[in-house]
Amino acid sequence: CDSIKSSQINKEAKRHKHLPHYPHKEIDQSTMD
């Protein structure tokens, strides 16, 4: 899955997006409301 389809992955992306091989991008969660 990815951050577009999972809010939990989006939270994870916020914490770990700095890792060199982390594949997910953080998105603006407010766009999901």
Full PDB file with SEQRES, HELIX, SHEET, SSBOND, CRYST1, ORIGX, SCALE, CONECT and MASTER records, all heavy atoms in Angstrom:
SEQRES   1 A   33  CYS ASP SER ILE LYS SER SER GLN ILE ASN LYS GLU ALA          
SEQRES   2 A   33  LYS ARG HIS LYS HIS LEU PRO HIS TYR PRO HIS LYS GLU          
SEQRES   3 A   33  ILE ASP GLN SER THR MET ASP                                  
HELIX    1 AA1 SER A    7  HIS A   16  1                                  10    
HELIX    2 AA2 GLN A   29  MET A   32  5                                   4    
CRYST1    1.000    1.000    1.000  90.00  90.00  90.00 P 1           1          
ORIGX1      1.000000  0.000000  0.000000        0.00000                         
ORIGX2      0.000000  1.000000  0.000000        0.00000                         
ORIGX3      0.000000  0.000000  1.000000        0.00000                         
SCALE1      1.000000  0.000000  0.000000        0.00000                         
SCALE2      0.000000  1.000000  0.000000        0.00000                         
SCALE3      0.000000  0.000000  1.000000        0.00000                         
ATOM      1  N   CYS A   1       0.830  -1.196   0.000  1.00  0.00           N  
ATOM      2  CA  CYS A   1       0.000   0.000   0.000  1.00  0.00           C  
ATOM      3  C   CYS A   1       0.874   1.259   0.000  1.00  0.00           C  
ATOM      4  O   CYS A   1       2.099   1.197  -0.103  1.00  0.00           O  
ATOM      5  CB  CYS A   1      -0.946  -0.029   1.197  1.00  0.00           C  
ATOM      6  SG  CYS A   1      -2.353   1.098   1.021  1.00  0.00           S  
ATOM      7  N   ASP A   2       0.238   2.428   0.130  1.00  0.00           N  
ATOM      8  CA  ASP A   2       0.970   3.693   0.131  1.00  0.00           C  
ATOM      9  C   ASP A   2       0.220   4.726   0.956  1.00  0.00           C  
ATOM     10  O   ASP A   2      -0.878   4.473   1.464  1.00  0.00           O  
ATOM     11  CB  ASP A   2       1.201   4.196  -1.297  1.00  0.00           C  
ATOM     12  CG  ASP A   2      -0.086   4.308  -2.102  1.00  0.00           C  
ATOM     13  OD1 ASP A   2      -1.080   4.818  -1.555  1.00  0.00           O  
ATOM     14  OD2 ASP A   2      -0.104   3.877  -3.264  1.00  0.00           O  
ATOM     15  N   SER A   3       0.794   5.909   1.078  1.00  0.00           N  
ATOM     16  CA  SER A   3       0.225   6.955   1.925  1.00  0.00           C  
ATOM     17  C   SER A   3      -1.077   7.509   1.371  1.00  0.00           C  
ATOM     18  O   SER A   3      -1.892   8.062   2.122  1.00  0.00           O  
ATOM     19  CB  SER A   3       1.238   8.085   2.112  1.00  0.00           C  
ATOM     20  OG  SER A   3       1.751   8.523   0.864  1.00  0.00           O  
ATOM     21  N   ILE A   4      -1.315   7.369   0.076  1.00  0.00           N  
ATOM     22  CA  ILE A   4      -2.563   7.845  -0.516  1.00  0.00           C  
ATOM     23  C   ILE A   4      -3.738   7.017  -0.041  1.00  0.00           C  
ATOM     24  O   ILE A   4      -4.858   7.511   0.094  1.00  0.00           O  
ATOM     25  CB  ILE A   4      -2.468   7.814  -2.060  1.00  0.00           C  
ATOM     26  CG1 ILE A   4      -1.406   8.810  -2.537  1.00  0.00           C  
ATOM     27  CG2 ILE A   4      -3.809   8.125  -2.706  1.00  0.00           C  
ATOM     28  CD1 ILE A   4      -1.116   8.711  -4.022  1.00  0.00           C  
ATOM     29  N   LYS A   5      -3.493   5.744   0.276  1.00  0.00           N  
ATOM     30  CA  LYS A   5      -4.577   4.837   0.658  1.00  0.00           C  
ATOM     31  C   LYS A   5      -4.554   4.448   2.133  1.00  0.00           C  
ATOM     32  O   LYS A   5      -5.472   3.777   2.595  1.00  0.00           O  
ATOM     33  CB  LYS A   5      -4.530   3.575  -0.201  1.00  0.00           C  
ATOM     34  CG  LYS A   5      -4.800   3.817  -1.680  1.00  0.00           C  
ATOM     35  CD  LYS A   5      -4.804   2.524  -2.456  1.00  0.00           C  
ATOM     36  CE  LYS A   5      -5.158   2.764  -3.920  1.00  0.00           C  
ATOM     37  NZ  LYS A   5      -4.146   3.560  -4.617  1.00  0.00           N  
ATOM     38  N   SER A   6      -3.536   4.856   2.863  1.00  0.00           N  
ATOM     39  CA  SER A   6      -3.459   4.502   4.279  1.00  0.00           C  
ATOM     40  C   SER A   6      -2.938   5.669   5.104  1.00  0.00           C  
ATOM     41  O   SER A   6      -1.797   6.121   4.912  1.00  0.00           O  
ATOM     42  CB  SER A   6      -2.552   3.278   4.485  1.00  0.00           C  
ATOM     43  OG  SER A   6      -2.275   3.095   5.861  1.00  0.00           O  
ATOM     44  N   SER A   7      -3.761   6.139   6.039  1.00  0.00           N  
ATOM     45  CA  SER A   7      -3.339   7.225   6.924  1.00  0.00           C  
ATOM     46  C   SER A   7      -2.198   6.771   7.827  1.00  0.00           C  
ATOM     47  O   SER A   7      -1.352   7.584   8.224  1.00  0.00           O  
ATOM     48  CB  SER A   7      -4.524   7.703   7.768  1.00  0.00           C  
ATOM     49  OG  SER A   7      -5.081   6.621   8.521  1.00  0.00           O  
ATOM     50  N   GLN A   8      -2.163   5.474   8.172  1.00  0.00           N  
ATOM     51  CA  GLN A   8      -1.080   4.976   9.021  1.00  0.00           C  
ATOM     52  C   GLN A   8       0.257   5.007   8.279  1.00  0.00           C  
ATOM     53  O   GLN A   8       1.296   5.323   8.874  1.00  0.00           O  
ATOM     54  CB  GLN A   8      -1.394   3.553   9.486  1.00  0.00           C  
ATOM     55  CG  GLN A   8      -2.485   3.467  10.535  1.00  0.00           C  
ATOM     56  CD  GLN A   8      -2.153   4.247  11.794  1.00  0.00           C  
ATOM     57  OE1 GLN A   8      -1.053   4.151  12.324  1.00  0.00           O  
ATOM     58  NE2 GLN A   8      -3.114   5.026  12.276  1.00  0.00           N  
ATOM     59  N   ILE A   9       0.244   4.682   6.992  1.00  0.00           N  
ATOM     60  CA  ILE A   9       1.479   4.789   6.210  1.00  0.00           C  
ATOM     61  C   ILE A   9       1.883   6.250   6.086  1.00  0.00           C  
ATOM     62  O   ILE A   9       3.074   6.583   6.119  1.00  0.00           O  
ATOM     63  CB  ILE A   9       1.303   4.135   4.820  1.00  0.00           C  
ATOM     64  CG1 ILE A   9       1.206   2.619   4.968  1.00  0.00           C  
ATOM     65  CG2 ILE A   9       2.459   4.503   3.890  1.00  0.00           C  
ATOM     66  CD1 ILE A   9       1.043   1.870   3.667  1.00  0.00           C  
ATOM     67  N   ASN A  10       0.896   7.138   5.983  1.00  0.00           N  
ATOM     68  CA  ASN A  10       1.227   8.563   5.908  1.00  0.00           C  
ATOM     69  C   ASN A  10       1.891   9.042   7.199  1.00  0.00           C  
ATOM     70  O   ASN A  10       2.847   9.824   7.174  1.00  0.00           O  
ATOM     71  CB  ASN A  10      -0.029   9.378   5.626  1.00  0.00           C  
ATOM     72  CG  ASN A  10       0.296  10.765   5.117  1.00  0.00           C  
ATOM     73  OD1 ASN A  10       1.267  10.962   4.378  1.00  0.00           O  
ATOM     74  ND2 ASN A  10      -0.511  11.747   5.489  1.00  0.00           N  
ATOM     75  N   LYS A  11       1.406   8.553   8.345  1.00  0.00           N  
ATOM     76  CA  LYS A  11       2.062   8.882   9.623  1.00  0.00           C  
ATOM     77  C   LYS A  11       3.469   8.305   9.668  1.00  0.00           C  
ATOM     78  O   LYS A  11       4.406   8.944  10.153  1.00  0.00           O  
ATOM     79  CB  LYS A  11       1.233   8.332  10.788  1.00  0.00           C  
ATOM     80  CG  LYS A  11      -0.086   9.040  11.018  1.00  0.00           C  
ATOM     81  CD  LYS A  11      -0.845   8.404  12.177  1.00  0.00           C  
ATOM     82  CE  LYS A  11      -2.184   9.082  12.413  1.00  0.00           C  
ATOM     83  NZ  LYS A  11      -2.935   8.447  13.527  1.00  0.00           N  
ATOM     84  N   GLU A  12       3.603   7.085   9.176  1.00  0.00           N  
ATOM     85  CA  GLU A  12       4.910   6.438   9.131  1.00  0.00           C  
ATOM     86  C   GLU A  12       5.858   7.220   8.238  1.00  0.00           C  
ATOM     87  O   GLU A  12       7.043   7.390   8.560  1.00  0.00           O  
ATOM     88  CB  GLU A  12       4.750   5.011   8.619  1.00  0.00           C  
ATOM     89  CG  GLU A  12       6.016   4.183   8.648  1.00  0.00           C  
ATOM     90  CD  GLU A  12       5.786   2.801   8.052  1.00  0.00           C  
ATOM     91  OE1 GLU A  12       5.809   2.687   6.821  1.00  0.00           O  
ATOM     92  OE2 GLU A  12       5.570   1.849   8.831  1.00  0.00           O  
ATOM     93  N   ALA A  13       5.345   7.712   7.099  1.00  0.00           N  
ATOM     94  CA  ALA A  13       6.171   8.478   6.167  1.00  0.00           C  
ATOM     95  C   ALA A  13       6.686   9.761   6.819  1.00  0.00           C  
ATOM     96  O   ALA A  13       7.828  10.173   6.581  1.00  0.00           O  
ATOM     97  CB  ALA A  13       5.365   8.809   4.917  1.00  0.00           C  
ATOM     98  N   LYS A  14       5.865  10.364   7.655  1.00  0.00           N  
ATOM     99  CA  LYS A  14       6.288  11.585   8.341  1.00  0.00           C  
ATOM    100  C   LYS A  14       7.470  11.306   9.262  1.00  0.00           C  
ATOM    101  O   LYS A  14       8.384  12.125   9.385  1.00  0.00           O  
ATOM    102  CB  LYS A  14       5.114  12.156   9.145  1.00  0.00           C  
ATOM    103  CG  LYS A  14       5.411  13.495   9.804  1.00  0.00           C  
ATOM    104  CD  LYS A  14       4.168  14.061  10.474  1.00  0.00           C  
ATOM    105  CE  LYS A  14       4.449  15.431  11.074  1.00  0.00           C  
ATOM    106  NZ  LYS A  14       3.230  16.020  11.703  1.00  0.00           N  
ATOM    107  N   ARG A  15       7.470  10.119   9.877  1.00  0.00           N  
ATOM    108  CA  ARG A  15       8.545   9.759  10.802  1.00  0.00           C  
ATOM    109  C   ARG A  15       9.810   9.267  10.094  1.00  0.00           C  
ATOM    110  O   ARG A  15      10.921   9.490  10.569  1.00  0.00           O  
ATOM    111  CB  ARG A  15       8.058   8.675  11.771  1.00  0.00           C  
ATOM    112  CG  ARG A  15       6.941   9.082  12.691  1.00  0.00           C  
ATOM    113  CD  ARG A  15       6.736   8.057  13.802  1.00  0.00           C  
ATOM    114  NE  ARG A  15       6.451   6.728  13.291  1.00  0.00           N  
ATOM    115  CZ  ARG A  15       5.219   6.269  13.046  1.00  0.00           C  
ATOM    116  NH1 ARG A  15       4.176   7.061  13.242  1.00  0.00           N  
ATOM    117  NH2 ARG A  15       5.038   5.045  12.607  1.00  0.00           N  
ATOM    118  N   HIS A  16       9.623   8.580   8.954  1.00  0.00           N  
ATOM    119  CA  HIS A  16      10.748   7.854   8.363  1.00  0.00           C  
ATOM    120  C   HIS A  16      11.123   8.287   6.947  1.00  0.00           C  
ATOM    121  O   HIS A  16      11.970   7.638   6.320  1.00  0.00           O  
ATOM    122  CB  HIS A  16      10.440   6.356   8.354  1.00  0.00           C  
ATOM    123  CG  HIS A  16      10.221   5.772   9.706  1.00  0.00           C  
ATOM    124  ND1 HIS A  16      11.224   5.683  10.650  1.00  0.00           N  
ATOM    125  CD2 HIS A  16       9.100   5.256  10.290  1.00  0.00           C  
ATOM    126  CE1 HIS A  16      10.745   5.112  11.750  1.00  0.00           C  
ATOM    127  NE2 HIS A  16       9.465   4.857  11.556  1.00  0.00           N  
ATOM    128  N   LYS A  17      10.522   9.350   6.439  1.00  0.00           N  
ATOM    129  CA  LYS A  17      10.789   9.743   5.057  1.00  0.00           C  
ATOM    130  C   LYS A  17      12.251  10.129   4.821  1.00  0.00           C  
ATOM    131  O   LYS A  17      12.712  10.161   3.679  1.00  0.00           O  
ATOM    132  CB  LYS A  17       9.879  10.906   4.655  1.00  0.00           C  
ATOM    133  CG  LYS A  17      10.049  12.158   5.513  1.00  0.00           C  
ATOM    134  CD  LYS A  17       9.017  13.211   5.151  1.00  0.00           C  
ATOM    135  CE  LYS A  17       9.128  14.437   6.047  1.00  0.00           C  
ATOM    136  NZ  LYS A  17       8.077  15.448   5.731  1.00  0.00           N  
ATOM    137  N   HIS A  18      12.997  10.377   5.896  1.00  0.00           N  
ATOM    138  CA  HIS A  18      14.410  10.734   5.763  1.00  0.00           C  
ATOM    139  C   HIS A  18      15.288   9.524   5.461  1.00  0.00           C  
ATOM    140  O   HIS A  18      16.440   9.684   5.019  1.00  0.00           O  
ATOM    141  CB  HIS A  18      14.905  11.378   7.063  1.00  0.00           C  
ATOM    142  CG  HIS A  18      14.863  10.455   8.242  1.00  0.00           C  
ATOM    143  ND1 HIS A  18      13.685  10.175   8.919  1.00  0.00           N  
ATOM    144  CD2 HIS A  18      15.829   9.709   8.853  1.00  0.00           C  
ATOM    145  CE1 HIS A  18      13.942   9.326   9.901  1.00  0.00           C  
ATOM    146  NE2 HIS A  18      15.225   9.020   9.883  1.00  0.00           N  
ATOM    147  N   LEU A  19      14.765   8.309   5.693  1.00  0.00           N  
ATOM    148  CA  LEU A  19      15.571   7.115   5.451  1.00  0.00           C  
ATOM    149  C   LEU A  19      15.850   6.967   3.958  1.00  0.00           C  
ATOM    150  O   LEU A  19      14.979   7.217   3.124  1.00  0.00           O  
ATOM    151  CB  LEU A  19      14.847   5.875   5.975  1.00  0.00           C  
ATOM    152  CG  LEU A  19      14.633   5.819   7.493  1.00  0.00           C  
ATOM    153  CD1 LEU A  19      13.816   4.587   7.875  1.00  0.00           C  
ATOM    154  CD2 LEU A  19      15.971   5.815   8.226  1.00  0.00           C  
ATOM    155  N   PRO A  20      17.061   6.558   3.582  1.00  0.00           N  
ATOM    156  CA  PRO A  20      17.463   6.565   2.165  1.00  0.00           C  
ATOM    157  C   PRO A  20      16.612   5.707   1.240  1.00  0.00           C  
ATOM    158  O   PRO A  20      16.451   6.041   0.076  1.00  0.00           O  
ATOM    159  CB  PRO A  20      18.915   6.069   2.206  1.00  0.00           C  
ATOM    160  CG  PRO A  20      19.068   5.392   3.539  1.00  0.00           C  
ATOM    161  CD  PRO A  20      18.155   6.113   4.460  1.00  0.00           C  
ATOM    162  N   HIS A  21      16.069   4.598   1.726  1.00  0.00           N  
ATOM    163  CA  HIS A  21      15.307   3.719   0.840  1.00  0.00           C  
ATOM    164  C   HIS A  21      13.849   3.564   1.273  1.00  0.00           C  
ATOM    165  O   HIS A  21      13.191   2.598   0.898  1.00  0.00           O  
ATOM    166  CB  HIS A  21      15.988   2.340   0.763  1.00  0.00           C  
ATOM    167  CG  HIS A  21      17.393   2.410   0.252  1.00  0.00           C  
ATOM    168  ND1 HIS A  21      17.710   2.962  -0.962  1.00  0.00           N  
ATOM    169  CD2 HIS A  21      18.569   2.024   0.815  1.00  0.00           C  
ATOM    170  CE1 HIS A  21      19.022   2.904  -1.147  1.00  0.00           C  
ATOM    171  NE2 HIS A  21      19.556   2.346  -0.078  1.00  0.00           N  
ATOM    172  N   TYR A  22      13.363   4.539   2.044  1.00  0.00           N  
ATOM    173  CA  TYR A  22      11.953   4.513   2.407  1.00  0.00           C  
ATOM    174  C   TYR A  22      11.136   4.974   1.203  1.00  0.00           C  
ATOM    175  O   TYR A  22      11.398   6.042   0.643  1.00  0.00           O  
ATOM    176  CB  TYR A  22      11.674   5.409   3.607  1.00  0.00           C  
ATOM    177  CG  TYR A  22      10.254   5.321   4.100  1.00  0.00           C  
ATOM    178  CD1 TYR A  22       9.829   4.211   4.828  1.00  0.00           C  
ATOM    179  CD2 TYR A  22       9.332   6.303   3.795  1.00  0.00           C  
ATOM    180  CE1 TYR A  22       8.511   4.101   5.258  1.00  0.00           C  
ATOM    181  CE2 TYR A  22       8.013   6.202   4.220  1.00  0.00           C  
ATOM    182  CZ  TYR A  22       7.615   5.097   4.954  1.00  0.00           C  
ATOM    183  OH  TYR A  22       6.311   4.980   5.371  1.00  0.00           O  
ATOM    184  N   PRO A  23      10.146   4.186   0.744  1.00  0.00           N  
ATOM    185  CA  PRO A  23       9.514   4.450  -0.558  1.00  0.00           C  
ATOM    186  C   PRO A  23       8.331   5.409  -0.563  1.00  0.00           C  
ATOM    187  O   PRO A  23       7.897   5.838  -1.630  1.00  0.00           O  
ATOM    188  CB  PRO A  23       9.043   3.052  -0.982  1.00  0.00           C  
ATOM    189  CG  PRO A  23       8.691   2.389   0.315  1.00  0.00           C  
ATOM    190  CD  PRO A  23       9.694   2.910   1.321  1.00  0.00           C  
ATOM    191  N   HIS A  24       7.792   5.754   0.619  1.00  0.00           N  
ATOM    192  CA  HIS A  24       6.545   6.509   0.637  1.00  0.00           C  
ATOM    193  C   HIS A  24       6.772   7.995   0.884  1.00  0.00           C  
ATOM    194  O   HIS A  24       7.646   8.381   1.657  1.00  0.00           O  
ATOM    195  CB  HIS A  24       5.609   5.954   1.708  1.00  0.00           C  
ATOM    196  CG  HIS A  24       5.320   4.494   1.552  1.00  0.00           C  
ATOM    197  ND1 HIS A  24       4.730   3.975   0.429  1.00  0.00           N  
ATOM    198  CD2 HIS A  24       5.566   3.438   2.379  1.00  0.00           C  
ATOM    199  CE1 HIS A  24       4.616   2.669   0.560  1.00  0.00           C  
ATOM    200  NE2 HIS A  24       5.117   2.320   1.725  1.00  0.00           N  
ATOM    201  N   LYS A  25       5.934   8.799   0.254  1.00  0.00           N  
ATOM    202  CA  LYS A  25       5.982  10.243   0.439  1.00  0.00           C  
ATOM    203  C   LYS A  25       4.872  10.667   1.398  1.00  0.00           C  
ATOM    204  O   LYS A  25       3.768  10.118   1.373  1.00  0.00           O  
ATOM    205  CB  LYS A  25       5.805  10.953  -0.906  1.00  0.00           C  
ATOM    206  CG  LYS A  25       6.947  10.716  -1.882  1.00  0.00           C  
ATOM    207  CD  LYS A  25       6.705  11.487  -3.174  1.00  0.00           C  
ATOM    208  CE  LYS A  25       7.851  11.276  -4.149  1.00  0.00           C  
ATOM    209  NZ  LYS A  25       7.628  12.008  -5.425  1.00  0.00           N  
ATOM    210  N   GLU A  26       5.185  11.655   2.211  1.00  0.00           N  
ATOM    211  CA  GLU A  26       4.158  12.211   3.082  1.00  0.00           C  
ATOM    212  C   GLU A  26       3.228  13.088   2.257  1.00  0.00           C  
ATOM    213  O   GLU A  26       3.671  13.873   1.418  1.00  0.00           O  
ATOM    214  CB  GLU A  26       4.794  13.030   4.204  1.00  0.00           C  
ATOM    215  CG  GLU A  26       3.779  13.595   5.181  1.00  0.00           C  
ATOM    216  CD  GLU A  26       4.390  14.531   6.203  1.00  0.00           C  
ATOM    217  OE1 GLU A  26       5.598  14.846   6.071  1.00  0.00           O  
ATOM    218  OE2 GLU A  26       3.662  14.965   7.116  1.00  0.00           O  
ATOM    219  N   ILE A  27       1.937  12.952   2.477  1.00  0.00           N  
ATOM    220  CA  ILE A  27       0.962  13.788   1.786  1.00  0.00           C  
ATOM    221  C   ILE A  27       0.244  14.674   2.793  1.00  0.00           C  
ATOM    222  O   ILE A  27       0.333  14.462   4.005  1.00  0.00           O  
ATOM    223  CB  ILE A  27      -0.071  12.918   1.026  1.00  0.00           C  
ATOM    224  CG1 ILE A  27      -0.878  12.047   2.016  1.00  0.00           C  
ATOM    225  CG2 ILE A  27       0.594  12.059  -0.029  1.00  0.00           C  
ATOM    226  CD1 ILE A  27      -2.067  11.353   1.385  1.00  0.00           C  
ATOM    227  N   ASP A  28      -0.448  15.673   2.277  1.00  0.00           N  
ATOM    228  CA  ASP A  28      -1.238  16.558   3.130  1.00  0.00           C  
ATOM    229  C   ASP A  28      -2.497  15.813   3.553  1.00  0.00           C  
ATOM    230  O   ASP A  28      -3.408  15.608   2.746  1.00  0.00           O  
ATOM    231  CB  ASP A  28      -1.580  17.829   2.357  1.00  0.00           C  
ATOM    232  CG  ASP A  28      -2.397  18.816   3.191  1.00  0.00           C  
ATOM    233  OD1 ASP A  28      -2.721  18.498   4.354  1.00  0.00           O  
ATOM    234  OD2 ASP A  28      -2.726  19.901   2.671  1.00  0.00           O  
ATOM    235  N   GLN A  29      -2.562  15.392   4.797  1.00  0.00           N  
ATOM    236  CA  GLN A  29      -3.672  14.559   5.265  1.00  0.00           C  
ATOM    237  C   GLN A  29      -5.011  15.281   5.164  1.00  0.00           C  
ATOM    238  O   GLN A  29      -6.061  14.636   5.015  1.00  0.00           O  
ATOM    239  CB  GLN A  29      -3.410  14.106   6.703  1.00  0.00           C  
ATOM    240  CG  GLN A  29      -4.370  13.064   7.237  1.00  0.00           C  
ATOM    241  CD  GLN A  29      -4.365  11.752   6.456  1.00  0.00           C  
ATOM    242  OE1 GLN A  29      -3.324  11.328   5.972  1.00  0.00           O  
ATOM    243  NE2 GLN A  29      -5.524  11.125   6.324  1.00  0.00           N  
ATOM    244  N   SER A  30      -4.986  16.600   5.206  1.00  0.00           N  
ATOM    245  CA  SER A  30      -6.248  17.350   5.148  1.00  0.00           C  
ATOM    246  C   SER A  30      -6.960  17.179   3.808  1.00  0.00           C  
ATOM    247  O   SER A  30      -8.178  17.387   3.712  1.00  0.00           O  
ATOM    248  CB  SER A  30      -6.001  18.830   5.421  1.00  0.00           C  
ATOM    249  OG  SER A  30      -5.237  19.421   4.388  1.00  0.00           O  
ATOM    250  N   THR A  31      -6.223  16.789   2.760  1.00  0.00           N  
ATOM    251  CA  THR A  31      -6.858  16.583   1.446  1.00  0.00           C  
ATOM    252  C   THR A  31      -7.768  15.362   1.447  1.00  0.00           C  
ATOM    253  O   THR A  31      -8.541  15.161   0.503  1.00  0.00           O  
ATOM    254  CB  THR A  31      -5.802  16.407   0.343  1.00  0.00           C  
ATOM    255  OG1 THR A  31      -5.010  15.233   0.614  1.00  0.00           O  
ATOM    256  CG2 THR A  31      -4.886  17.617   0.266  1.00  0.00           C  
ATOM    257  N   MET A  32      -7.685  14.554   2.489  1.00  0.00           N  
ATOM    258  CA  MET A  32      -8.508  13.348   2.577  1.00  0.00           C  
ATOM    259  C   MET A  32      -9.853  13.594   3.259  1.00  0.00           C  
ATOM    260  O   MET A  32     -10.647  12.675   3.432  1.00  0.00           O  
ATOM    261  CB  MET A  32      -7.747  12.258   3.345  1.00  0.00           C  
ATOM    262  CG  MET A  32      -6.439  11.855   2.680  1.00  0.00           C  
ATOM    263  SD  MET A  32      -6.731  10.984   1.137  1.00  0.00           S  
ATOM    264  CE  MET A  32      -5.244  11.385   0.218  1.00  0.00           C  
ATOM    265  N   ASP A  33     -10.127  14.848   3.643  1.00  0.00           N  
ATOM    266  CA  ASP A  33     -11.361  15.164   4.376  1.00  0.00           C  
ATOM    267  C   ASP A  33     -12.452  15.754   3.483  1.00  0.00           C  
ATOM    268  O   ASP A  33     -13.415  16.334   3.979  1.00  0.00           O  
ATOM    269  CB  ASP A  33     -11.049  16.148   5.509  1.00  0.00           C  
ATOM    270  CG  ASP A  33     -10.126  15.552   6.558  1.00  0.00           C  
ATOM    271  OD1 ASP A  33     -10.148  14.315   6.719  1.00  0.00           O  
ATOM    272  OD2 ASP A  33      -9.379  16.314   7.198  1.00  0.00           O  
TER     273      ASP A  33                                                      
MASTER        0    0    0    2    0    0    0    6  272    1    0    3          
END                                                                             
